[in-house]
Amino acid sequence: MCKLNYSAYLNKGGNMARVLISMSNDFLSKVDNVASSEQRTRSELIREALRVDRTARLTAFLLL
């Protein structure tokens, strides 16, 4: 299971925070394979996955 370590800080001149995420090497390899096959960065893939999850959770909550 992935563990989020929120040691976030703002990058130089940007509005993106950097977040350290711990995960198994096997899972990271799978994430990298998907990102590569879709010609996207690891960060782009993870951001989209979190947006999709947030939307799904909100939709499920509203349907209760």
Protein backbone atom coordinates (compact mmCIF):
# COMPACT_ATOMS: atom_id res chain seq x y z
CA MET A 1 0.00 0.00 0.00
CA CYS A 2 1.18 3.51 -0.79
CA LYS A 3 1.94 5.92 2.01
CA LEU A 4 1.79 9.69 1.50
CA ASN A 5 4.36 11.83 3.26
CA TYR A 6 3.18 15.42 3.10
CA SER A 7 6.52 17.15 3.21
CA ALA A 8 5.26 19.61 0.62
CA TYR A 9 6.85 22.88 -0.36
CA LEU A 10 6.42 25.31 -3.23
CA ASN A 11 8.79 24.96 -6.14
CA LYS A 12 10.76 27.91 -7.46
CA GLY A 13 8.39 30.49 -8.88
CA GLY A 14 5.56 28.01 -9.35
CA ASN A 15 2.31 27.12 -7.69
CA MET A 16 2.89 23.37 -7.60
CA ALA A 17 3.70 21.67 -4.32
CA ARG A 18 6.10 18.77 -4.25
CA VAL A 19 4.82 15.70 -2.38
CA LEU A 20 6.86 12.64 -1.45
CA ILE A 21 4.93 9.39 -2.03
CA SER A 22 6.22 6.01 -0.84
CA MET A 23 5.25 2.88 -2.80
CA SER A 24 6.69 -0.52 -3.59
CA ASN A 25 9.25 -0.78 -6.38
CA ASP A 26 6.94 -3.19 -8.20
CA PHE A 27 4.03 -0.73 -8.15
CA LEU A 28 6.30 2.15 -9.20
CA SER A 29 7.49 0.09 -12.15
CA LYS A 30 3.89 -0.47 -13.22
CA VAL A 31 3.12 3.26 -12.88
CA ASP A 32 6.18 4.10 -14.98
CA ASN A 33 5.19 1.56 -17.65
CA VAL A 34 1.72 3.10 -17.98
CA ALA A 35 3.13 6.64 -18.06
CA SER A 36 5.64 5.64 -20.72
CA SER A 37 3.05 3.86 -22.87
CA GLU A 38 0.84 6.99 -22.70
CA GLN A 39 3.83 9.31 -23.32
CA ARG A 40 3.18 11.20 -20.09
CA THR A 41 5.23 11.94 -17.02
CA ARG A 42 4.79 10.01 -13.83
CA SER A 43 3.48 13.19 -12.17
CA GLU A 44 0.86 13.75 -14.88
CA LEU A 45 -0.38 10.19 -14.52
CA ILE A 46 -0.62 10.36 -10.73
CA ARG A 47 -2.34 13.78 -10.81
CA GLU A 48 -4.95 12.46 -13.23
CA ALA A 49 -5.50 9.31 -11.14
CA LEU A 50 -6.12 11.46 -8.06
CA ARG A 51 -8.53 13.75 -9.98
CA VAL A 52 -10.48 10.73 -11.27
CA ASP A 53 -10.61 9.21 -7.78
CA ARG A 54 -11.79 12.50 -6.25
CA THR A 55 -14.53 12.83 -8.88
CA ALA A 56 -15.68 9.25 -8.34
CA ARG A 57 -15.80 9.69 -4.57
CA LEU A 58 -17.75 12.95 -4.87
CA THR A 59 -20.21 11.35 -7.30
CA ALA A 60 -20.71 8.37 -4.99
CA PHE A 61 -21.26 10.70 -2.02
CA LEU A 62 -23.84 12.77 -3.91
CA LEU A 63 -25.74 9.62 -4.93
CA LEU A 64 -26.20 8.51 -1.30
